[in-house]
Amino acid sequence: MQFNIHEAKTQFSKLVAAVERGETVTICRNGRPVIACVPARPQGPFPFGAWGSLSGEASSLEHMVGPTDAETLDDMGL
């Protein structure tokens, strides 16, 4: 779906609704695309991509990084 800048300003609610449905909306100036509006990705508790999807799965440091000896954990302050 494409809008020129004037249309985008006057039909902003329609533009947002299209993006909420998963569409990509392109805004053009003089017929040339200048902006692509895409749905925002929901963020989990961590803003670093997939880390949020690990919540509840990683129950210990060993589960995340593998076996670690006690001396190394002590050096790390854990």
C-alpha atoms as a PDB file:
ATOM      1  CA  MET A   1       0.000   0.000   0.000  1.00  0.00           C
ATOM      2  CA  GLN A   2       1.383   3.432  -0.908  1.00  0.00           C
ATOM      3  CA  PHE A   3       0.478   6.947   0.190  1.00  0.00           C
ATOM      4  CA  ASN A   4       1.919  10.263  -0.876  1.00  0.00           C
ATOM      5  CA  ILE A   5       2.812  12.564   2.012  1.00  0.00           C
ATOM      6  CA  HIS A   6      -0.415  14.584   1.805  1.00  0.00           C
ATOM      7  CA  GLU A   7      -2.553  11.403   1.772  1.00  0.00           C
ATOM      8  CA  ALA A   8      -0.564   9.981   4.687  1.00  0.00           C
ATOM      9  CA  LYS A   9      -1.276  13.106   6.741  1.00  0.00           C
ATOM     10  CA  THR A  10      -4.987  13.156   5.961  1.00  0.00           C
ATOM     11  CA  GLN A  11      -5.498   9.371   6.269  1.00  0.00           C
ATOM     12  CA  PHE A  12      -3.110   8.643   9.107  1.00  0.00           C
ATOM     13  CA  SER A  13      -5.596   6.428  10.987  1.00  0.00           C
ATOM     14  CA  LYS A  14      -6.103   4.290   7.873  1.00  0.00           C
ATOM     15  CA  LEU A  15      -2.318   4.007   7.445  1.00  0.00           C
ATOM     16  CA  VAL A  16      -1.856   2.893  11.070  1.00  0.00           C
ATOM     17  CA  ALA A  17      -4.701   0.368  10.784  1.00  0.00           C
ATOM     18  CA  ALA A  18      -3.082  -1.162   7.692  1.00  0.00           C
ATOM     19  CA  VAL A  19       0.252  -1.504   9.497  1.00  0.00           C
ATOM     20  CA  GLU A  20      -1.494  -3.050  12.515  1.00  0.00           C
ATOM     21  CA  ARG A  21      -2.940  -5.686  10.168  1.00  0.00           C
ATOM     22  CA  GLY A  22       0.633  -6.571   9.171  1.00  0.00           C
ATOM     23  CA  GLU A  23       0.859  -4.610   5.923  1.00  0.00           C
ATOM     24  CA  THR A  24       3.876  -2.566   4.940  1.00  0.00           C
ATOM     25  CA  VAL A  25       2.881   0.971   4.013  1.00  0.00           C
ATOM     26  CA  THR A  26       5.168   3.077   1.842  1.00  0.00           C
ATOM     27  CA  ILE A  27       5.074   6.874   1.985  1.00  0.00           C
ATOM     28  CA  CYS A  28       6.261   8.636  -1.157  1.00  0.00           C
ATOM     29  CA  ARG A  29       7.431  12.144  -2.016  1.00  0.00           C
ATOM     30  CA  ASN A  30       6.966  13.106  -5.668  1.00  0.00           C
ATOM     31  CA  GLY A  31       6.286   9.453  -6.498  1.00  0.00           C
ATOM     32  CA  ARG A  32       9.522   8.219  -4.895  1.00  0.00           C
ATOM     33  CA  PRO A  33       9.395   5.983  -1.792  1.00  0.00           C
ATOM     34  CA  VAL A  34      10.953   7.671   1.240  1.00  0.00           C
ATOM     35  CA  ILE A  35       9.520   5.798   4.244  1.00  0.00           C
ATOM     36  CA  ALA A  36       8.420   2.218   4.850  1.00  0.00           C
ATOM     37  CA  CYS A  37       6.064   1.748   7.807  1.00  0.00           C
ATOM     38  CA  VAL A  38       6.135  -1.788   9.192  1.00  0.00           C
ATOM     39  CA  PRO A  39       4.591  -3.364  12.308  1.00  0.00           C
ATOM     40  CA  ALA A  40       6.698  -2.991  15.432  1.00  0.00           C
ATOM     41  CA  ARG A  41       8.027  -6.228  16.902  1.00  0.00           C
ATOM     42  CA  PRO A  42       6.801  -6.833  20.438  1.00  0.00           C
ATOM     43  CA  GLN A  43       9.578  -6.801  23.011  1.00  0.00           C
ATOM     44  CA  GLY A  44       9.879  -9.168  25.923  1.00  0.00           C
ATOM     45  CA  PRO A  45      11.359  -8.276  29.298  1.00  0.00           C
ATOM     46  CA  PHE A  46      14.780  -7.815  27.652  1.00  0.00           C
ATOM     47  CA  PRO A  47      15.165  -5.453  24.673  1.00  0.00           C
ATOM     48  CA  PHE A  48      17.824  -7.690  23.108  1.00  0.00           C
ATOM     49  CA  GLY A  49      15.813  -9.785  20.667  1.00  0.00           C
ATOM     50  CA  ALA A  50      15.486 -13.476  21.496  1.00  0.00           C
ATOM     51  CA  TRP A  51      16.589 -13.201  25.143  1.00  0.00           C
ATOM     52  CA  GLY A  52      13.015 -12.420  26.158  1.00  0.00           C
ATOM     53  CA  SER A  53      11.866 -15.722  24.680  1.00  0.00           C
ATOM     54  CA  LEU A  54      14.162 -17.622  27.078  1.00  0.00           C
ATOM     55  CA  SER A  55      12.335 -16.492  30.209  1.00  0.00           C
ATOM     56  CA  GLY A  56      11.274 -19.487  32.240  1.00  0.00           C
ATOM     57  CA  GLU A  57      13.484 -21.887  30.284  1.00  0.00           C
ATOM     58  CA  ALA A  58      16.890 -21.058  31.726  1.00  0.00           C
ATOM     59  CA  SER A  59      16.729 -22.108  35.361  1.00  0.00           C
ATOM     60  CA  SER A  60      20.467 -21.924  36.097  1.00  0.00           C
ATOM     61  CA  LEU A  61      23.755 -20.625  34.759  1.00  0.00           C
ATOM     62  CA  GLU A  62      24.752 -24.199  33.890  1.00  0.00           C
ATOM     63  CA  HIS A  63      21.586 -24.588  31.794  1.00  0.00           C
ATOM     64  CA  MET A  64      22.585 -21.492  29.791  1.00  0.00           C
ATOM     65  CA  VAL A  65      26.352 -21.963  29.363  1.00  0.00           C
ATOM     66  CA  GLY A  66      27.075 -25.577  30.233  1.00  0.00           C
ATOM     67  CA  PRO A  67      28.973 -27.098  33.162  1.00  0.00           C
ATOM     68  CA  THR A  68      31.209 -24.681  35.048  1.00  0.00           C
ATOM     69  CA  ASP A  69      33.579 -25.591  37.876  1.00  0.00           C
ATOM     70  CA  ALA A  70      33.196 -24.053  41.345  1.00  0.00           C
ATOM     71  CA  GLU A  71      36.461 -22.057  41.113  1.00  0.00           C
ATOM     72  CA  THR A  72      35.353 -20.325  37.934  1.00  0.00           C
ATOM     73  CA  LEU A  73      31.964 -19.504  39.462  1.00  0.00           C
ATOM     74  CA  ASP A  74      33.705 -18.124  42.565  1.00  0.00           C
ATOM     75  CA  ASP A  75      35.978 -15.958  40.366  1.00  0.00           C
ATOM     76  CA  MET A  76      32.850 -14.610  38.702  1.00  0.00           C
ATOM     77  CA  GLY A  77      31.279 -13.814  42.066  1.00  0.00           C
ATOM     78  CA  LEU A  78      28.469 -16.322  41.564  1.00  0.00           C
END
